[in-house]
Amino acid sequence: MSNPIAVAVSTAYERQFKKLKTDQLKQDARQCRRDIYECLTLQRDSGDQERIKEIIRDRRLKPIQRFRKKVPKRWEATFAPDGRIVWSYDGQTFALIYIGNHSVLDKD
């Protein structure tokens, strides 16, 4: 079995997570983080392709076009109708960058 993927959390992410208005939103965001991590692990280990597709579809995982030239790519995931997580993955570290409504996709 491969080494686990490292997780890095920005201070901006931590601050914004605390500002989520309800416990349900916080719970949904935590589940979204787990789903992204599972997807990355499965992709790295050539795991269950159907589960990978399911997570990508359900969480609407996609690169953020505004940052297409940044390395590593910045991605978005949806955890609520107007709840987004901005994250990146460089092959070793899953970095949580921002969380909040759709406007977080515009932050540098």
N, C-alpha and C. Protein backbone atom coordinates (compact mmCIF):
# COMPACT_ATOMS: atom_id res chain seq x y z
N MET A 1 0.84 -1.19 0.00
CA MET A 1 0.00 0.00 0.00
C MET A 1 0.88 1.24 0.00
N SER A 2 0.49 2.24 -0.74
CA SER A 2 1.23 3.50 -0.84
C SER A 2 1.11 4.32 0.43
N ASN A 3 2.01 5.28 0.55
CA ASN A 3 1.93 6.21 1.65
C ASN A 3 0.67 7.04 1.54
N PRO A 4 0.11 7.47 2.68
CA PRO A 4 -1.08 8.32 2.60
C PRO A 4 -0.73 9.68 1.98
N ILE A 5 -1.71 10.29 1.37
CA ILE A 5 -1.54 11.62 0.80
C ILE A 5 -1.53 12.63 1.95
N ALA A 6 -0.54 13.54 1.93
CA ALA A 6 -0.47 14.58 2.95
C ALA A 6 -1.59 15.59 2.72
N VAL A 7 -2.09 16.15 3.81
CA VAL A 7 -3.14 17.17 3.73
C VAL A 7 -2.62 18.45 4.35
N ALA A 8 -2.73 19.55 3.60
CA ALA A 8 -2.33 20.88 4.08
C ALA A 8 -3.57 21.76 4.07
N VAL A 9 -3.74 22.51 5.14
CA VAL A 9 -4.91 23.39 5.26
C VAL A 9 -4.43 24.82 5.45
N SER A 10 -4.85 25.72 4.57
CA SER A 10 -4.45 27.13 4.69
C SER A 10 -5.18 27.78 5.86
N THR A 11 -4.60 28.83 6.39
CA THR A 11 -5.27 29.56 7.48
C THR A 11 -6.54 30.22 6.98
N ALA A 12 -6.55 30.65 5.71
CA ALA A 12 -7.77 31.24 5.13
C ALA A 12 -8.89 30.20 5.11
N TYR A 13 -8.56 28.97 4.75
CA TYR A 13 -9.56 27.90 4.75
C TYR A 13 -10.11 27.69 6.16
N GLU A 14 -9.23 27.61 7.13
CA GLU A 14 -9.67 27.40 8.51
C GLU A 14 -10.59 28.51 8.98
N ARG A 15 -10.22 29.78 8.69
CA ARG A 15 -11.05 30.92 9.09
C ARG A 15 -12.42 30.86 8.43
N GLN A 16 -12.43 30.61 7.12
CA GLN A 16 -13.69 30.58 6.39
C GLN A 16 -14.56 29.40 6.82
N PHE A 17 -13.94 28.26 7.12
CA PHE A 17 -14.71 27.10 7.57
C PHE A 17 -15.46 27.43 8.86
N LYS A 18 -14.81 28.11 9.78
CA LYS A 18 -15.45 28.49 11.04
C LYS A 18 -16.63 29.42 10.83
N LYS A 19 -16.62 30.16 9.72
CA LYS A 19 -17.69 31.12 9.42
C LYS A 19 -18.90 30.49 8.74
N LEU A 20 -18.82 29.22 8.36
CA LEU A 20 -19.98 28.57 7.77
C LEU A 20 -21.14 28.67 8.75
N LYS A 21 -22.32 28.99 8.24
CA LYS A 21 -23.43 29.39 9.11
C LYS A 21 -24.10 28.28 9.89
N THR A 22 -24.09 27.07 9.38
CA THR A 22 -24.79 25.99 10.09
C THR A 22 -23.88 24.78 10.28
N ASP A 23 -24.25 23.98 11.26
CA ASP A 23 -23.53 22.73 11.49
C ASP A 23 -23.68 21.79 10.29
N GLN A 24 -24.84 21.86 9.63
CA GLN A 24 -25.06 21.01 8.47
C GLN A 24 -24.09 21.37 7.34
N LEU A 25 -23.86 22.66 7.10
CA LEU A 25 -22.90 23.07 6.08
C LEU A 25 -21.49 22.58 6.43
N LYS A 26 -21.13 22.67 7.71
CA LYS A 26 -19.82 22.19 8.14
C LYS A 26 -19.70 20.69 7.92
N GLN A 27 -20.75 19.96 8.23
CA GLN A 27 -20.75 18.51 8.05
C GLN A 27 -20.64 18.18 6.55
N ASP A 28 -21.39 18.90 5.71
CA ASP A 28 -21.32 18.67 4.27
C ASP A 28 -19.93 18.98 3.73
N ALA A 29 -19.29 20.04 4.22
CA ALA A 29 -17.94 20.40 3.78
C ALA A 29 -16.94 19.32 4.20
N ARG A 30 -17.07 18.80 5.41
CA ARG A 30 -16.18 17.72 5.86
C ARG A 30 -16.33 16.48 4.97
N GLN A 31 -17.57 16.15 4.62
CA GLN A 31 -17.81 14.99 3.77
C GLN A 31 -17.21 15.22 2.38
N CYS A 32 -17.33 16.43 1.89
CA CYS A 32 -16.74 16.77 0.59
C CYS A 32 -15.23 16.58 0.63
N ARG A 33 -14.59 17.04 1.69
CA ARG A 33 -13.13 16.85 1.85
C ARG A 33 -12.78 15.37 1.82
N ARG A 34 -13.55 14.56 2.54
CA ARG A 34 -13.29 13.11 2.55
C ARG A 34 -13.45 12.51 1.16
N ASP A 35 -14.48 12.98 0.43
CA ASP A 35 -14.71 12.47 -0.92
C ASP A 35 -13.56 12.83 -1.86
N ILE A 36 -13.08 14.07 -1.79
CA ILE A 36 -11.95 14.48 -2.64
C ILE A 36 -10.73 13.62 -2.31
N TYR A 37 -10.45 13.45 -1.02
CA TYR A 37 -9.30 12.66 -0.59
C TYR A 37 -9.43 11.22 -1.11
N GLU A 38 -10.62 10.66 -0.99
CA GLU A 38 -10.85 9.29 -1.48
C GLU A 38 -10.60 9.22 -2.99
N CYS A 39 -11.09 10.20 -3.72
CA CYS A 39 -10.91 10.23 -5.17
C CYS A 39 -9.42 10.30 -5.53
N LEU A 40 -8.68 11.16 -4.87
CA LEU A 40 -7.25 11.29 -5.13
C LEU A 40 -6.51 9.99 -4.82
N THR A 41 -6.87 9.36 -3.72
CA THR A 41 -6.25 8.09 -3.33
C THR A 41 -6.56 6.99 -4.35
N LEU A 42 -7.81 6.92 -4.76
CA LEU A 42 -8.19 5.91 -5.75
C LEU A 42 -7.49 6.15 -7.09
N GLN A 43 -7.39 7.41 -7.50
CA GLN A 43 -6.69 7.71 -8.76
C GLN A 43 -5.22 7.32 -8.67
N ARG A 44 -4.59 7.66 -7.57
CA ARG A 44 -3.16 7.35 -7.39
C ARG A 44 -2.92 5.85 -7.38
N ASP A 45 -3.80 5.11 -6.74
CA ASP A 45 -3.62 3.67 -6.58
C ASP A 45 -4.33 2.86 -7.67
N SER A 46 -4.80 3.52 -8.72
CA SER A 46 -5.53 2.85 -9.81
C SER A 46 -6.69 2.04 -9.25
N GLY A 47 -7.48 2.71 -8.44
CA GLY A 47 -8.59 2.04 -7.75
C GLY A 47 -9.86 2.01 -8.58
N ASP A 48 -10.96 1.86 -7.90
CA ASP A 48 -12.30 1.70 -8.46
C ASP A 48 -12.67 2.89 -9.35
N GLN A 49 -12.63 2.69 -10.67
CA GLN A 49 -12.91 3.76 -11.63
C GLN A 49 -14.35 4.25 -11.55
N GLU A 50 -15.27 3.37 -11.24
CA GLU A 50 -16.68 3.78 -11.12
C GLU A 50 -16.86 4.72 -9.93
N ARG A 51 -16.19 4.42 -8.83
CA ARG A 51 -16.28 5.29 -7.65
C ARG A 51 -15.65 6.65 -7.94
N ILE A 52 -14.54 6.67 -8.65
CA ILE A 52 -13.88 7.92 -9.03
C ILE A 52 -14.85 8.77 -9.85
N LYS A 53 -15.48 8.17 -10.85
CA LYS A 53 -16.43 8.90 -11.70
C LYS A 53 -17.60 9.43 -10.89
N GLU A 54 -18.07 8.62 -9.94
CA GLU A 54 -19.19 9.02 -9.09
C GLU A 54 -18.83 10.26 -8.25
N ILE A 55 -17.64 10.25 -7.66
CA ILE A 55 -17.21 11.40 -6.85
C ILE A 55 -17.05 12.63 -7.73
N ILE A 56 -16.42 12.49 -8.87
CA ILE A 56 -16.22 13.62 -9.78
C ILE A 56 -17.57 14.22 -10.18
N ARG A 57 -18.52 13.37 -10.49
CA ARG A 57 -19.85 13.84 -10.88
C ARG A 57 -20.60 14.48 -9.71
N ASP A 58 -20.65 13.79 -8.58
CA ASP A 58 -21.43 14.27 -7.44
C ASP A 58 -20.87 15.55 -6.84
N ARG A 59 -19.54 15.66 -6.80
CA ARG A 59 -18.89 16.85 -6.20
C ARG A 59 -18.54 17.90 -7.24
N ARG A 60 -18.83 17.60 -8.49
CA ARG A 60 -18.53 18.50 -9.61
C ARG A 60 -17.08 18.99 -9.55
N LEU A 61 -16.17 18.05 -9.46
CA LEU A 61 -14.74 18.37 -9.41
C LEU A 61 -14.29 18.84 -10.78
N LYS A 62 -13.68 20.02 -10.81
CA LYS A 62 -13.16 20.53 -12.07
C LYS A 62 -12.12 21.60 -11.80
N PRO A 63 -11.19 21.77 -12.76
CA PRO A 63 -10.17 22.82 -12.59
C PRO A 63 -10.83 24.20 -12.73
N ILE A 64 -10.29 25.17 -12.02
CA ILE A 64 -10.80 26.53 -12.11
C ILE A 64 -10.10 27.19 -13.29
N GLN A 65 -10.86 27.57 -14.29
CA GLN A 65 -10.29 28.10 -15.53
C GLN A 65 -9.47 29.36 -15.32
N ARG A 66 -9.87 30.19 -14.40
CA ARG A 66 -9.13 31.43 -14.17
C ARG A 66 -7.68 31.17 -13.78
N PHE A 67 -7.42 30.03 -13.16
CA PHE A 67 -6.08 29.69 -12.68
C PHE A 67 -5.44 28.59 -13.51
N ARG A 68 -5.82 28.45 -14.76
CA ARG A 68 -5.34 27.33 -15.58
C ARG A 68 -3.83 27.30 -15.76
N LYS A 69 -3.15 28.44 -15.58
CA LYS A 69 -1.70 28.47 -15.74
C LYS A 69 -0.95 28.24 -14.43
N LYS A 70 -1.67 28.22 -13.30
CA LYS A 70 -1.02 27.98 -12.01
C LYS A 70 -0.62 26.52 -11.88
N VAL A 71 0.50 26.29 -11.23
CA VAL A 71 0.96 24.93 -10.97
C VAL A 71 1.20 24.80 -9.47
N PRO A 72 0.64 23.81 -8.80
CA PRO A 72 -0.32 22.84 -9.30
C PRO A 72 -1.67 23.50 -9.58
N LYS A 73 -2.47 22.84 -10.41
CA LYS A 73 -3.78 23.37 -10.77
C LYS A 73 -4.63 23.58 -9.53
N ARG A 74 -5.44 24.62 -9.58
CA ARG A 74 -6.46 24.82 -8.54
C ARG A 74 -7.76 24.23 -9.05
N TRP A 75 -8.40 23.51 -8.16
CA TRP A 75 -9.64 22.81 -8.47
C TRP A 75 -10.76 23.33 -7.59
N GLU A 76 -11.99 23.07 -8.01
CA GLU A 76 -13.14 23.38 -7.17
C GLU A 76 -13.95 22.11 -6.96
N ALA A 77 -14.62 22.08 -5.82
CA ALA A 77 -15.55 21.01 -5.50
C ALA A 77 -16.77 21.65 -4.85
N THR A 78 -17.93 21.08 -5.09
CA THR A 78 -19.17 21.62 -4.57
C THR A 78 -19.64 20.79 -3.38
N PHE A 79 -19.98 21.48 -2.28
CA PHE A 79 -20.53 20.75 -1.13
C PHE A 79 -21.93 21.21 -0.77
N ALA A 80 -22.42 22.29 -1.37
CA ALA A 80 -23.76 22.82 -1.15
C ALA A 80 -24.13 23.62 -2.40
N PRO A 81 -25.41 24.00 -2.56
CA PRO A 81 -25.77 24.76 -3.75
C PRO A 81 -24.87 25.98 -4.00
N ASP A 82 -24.48 26.69 -2.96
CA ASP A 82 -23.55 27.81 -3.13
C ASP A 82 -22.34 27.62 -2.21
N GLY A 83 -21.88 26.40 -2.09
CA GLY A 83 -20.72 26.09 -1.26
C GLY A 83 -19.63 25.46 -2.08
N ARG A 84 -18.45 26.07 -2.08
CA ARG A 84 -17.33 25.57 -2.87
C ARG A 84 -16.09 25.41 -2.00
N ILE A 85 -15.29 24.43 -2.35
CA ILE A 85 -13.97 24.25 -1.77
C ILE A 85 -12.97 24.42 -2.91
N VAL A 86 -11.98 25.27 -2.70
CA VAL A 86 -10.89 25.44 -3.67
C VAL A 86 -9.70 24.66 -3.12
N TRP A 87 -9.11 23.81 -3.95
CA TRP A 87 -8.03 22.94 -3.50
C TRP A 87 -7.06 22.67 -4.64
N SER A 88 -5.92 22.10 -4.27
CA SER A 88 -4.93 21.70 -5.27
C SER A 88 -4.30 20.38 -4.84
N TYR A 89 -3.66 19.73 -5.80
CA TYR A 89 -2.97 18.47 -5.53
C TYR A 89 -1.75 18.40 -6.43
N ASP A 90 -0.58 18.23 -5.81
CA ASP A 90 0.67 18.20 -6.58
C ASP A 90 1.25 16.80 -6.73
N GLY A 91 0.45 15.80 -6.43
CA GLY A 91 0.93 14.43 -6.52
C GLY A 91 1.33 13.87 -5.17
N GLN A 92 1.53 14.74 -4.19
CA GLN A 92 1.89 14.31 -2.84
C GLN A 92 1.03 14.96 -1.77
N THR A 93 0.64 16.23 -1.98
CA THR A 93 -0.08 16.98 -0.96
C THR A 93 -1.41 17.49 -1.49
N PHE A 94 -2.47 17.18 -0.77
CA PHE A 94 -3.81 17.68 -1.03
C PHE A 94 -3.93 18.95 -0.20
N ALA A 95 -3.99 20.12 -0.86
CA ALA A 95 -4.00 21.40 -0.16
C ALA A 95 -5.38 22.04 -0.24
N LEU A 96 -5.97 22.29 0.92
CA LEU A 96 -7.24 23.00 1.01
C LEU A 96 -6.93 24.48 1.07
N ILE A 97 -7.43 25.26 0.11
CA ILE A 97 -7.03 26.65 -0.02
C ILE A 97 -8.11 27.60 0.49
N TYR A 98 -9.33 27.49 -0.04
CA TYR A 98 -10.44 28.36 0.38
C TYR A 98 -11.71 27.54 0.47
N ILE A 99 -12.67 28.08 1.21
CA ILE A 99 -14.00 27.48 1.29
C ILE A 99 -14.99 28.62 1.42
N GLY A 100 -16.16 28.45 0.85
CA GLY A 100 -17.19 29.48 0.96
C GLY A 100 -18.14 29.42 -0.21
N ASN A 101 -18.75 30.59 -0.52
CA ASN A 101 -19.69 30.62 -1.63
C ASN A 101 -18.94 30.72 -2.96
N HIS A 102 -19.67 30.87 -4.01
CA HIS A 102 -19.08 30.84 -5.37
C HIS A 102 -17.98 31.89 -5.56
N SER A 103 -18.01 32.98 -4.83
CA SER A 103 -17.01 34.04 -4.99
C SER A 103 -15.60 33.60 -4.60
N VAL A 104 -15.44 32.50 -3.85
CA VAL A 104 -14.10 32.04 -3.48
C VAL A 104 -13.31 31.60 -4.71
N LEU A 105 -14.00 31.34 -5.80
CA LEU A 105 -13.31 30.91 -7.02
C LEU A 105 -12.51 32.06 -7.64
N ASP A 106 -12.78 33.28 -7.22
CA ASP A 106 -12.10 34.45 -7.77
C ASP A 106 -10.88 34.89 -6.96
N LYS A 107 -10.64 34.26 -5.82
CA LYS A 107 -9.54 34.70 -4.97
C LYS A 107 -8.20 34.19 -5.49
N ASP A 108 -7.19 35.03 -5.36
CA ASP A 108 -5.84 34.62 -5.78
C ASP A 108 -5.25 33.83 -4.71
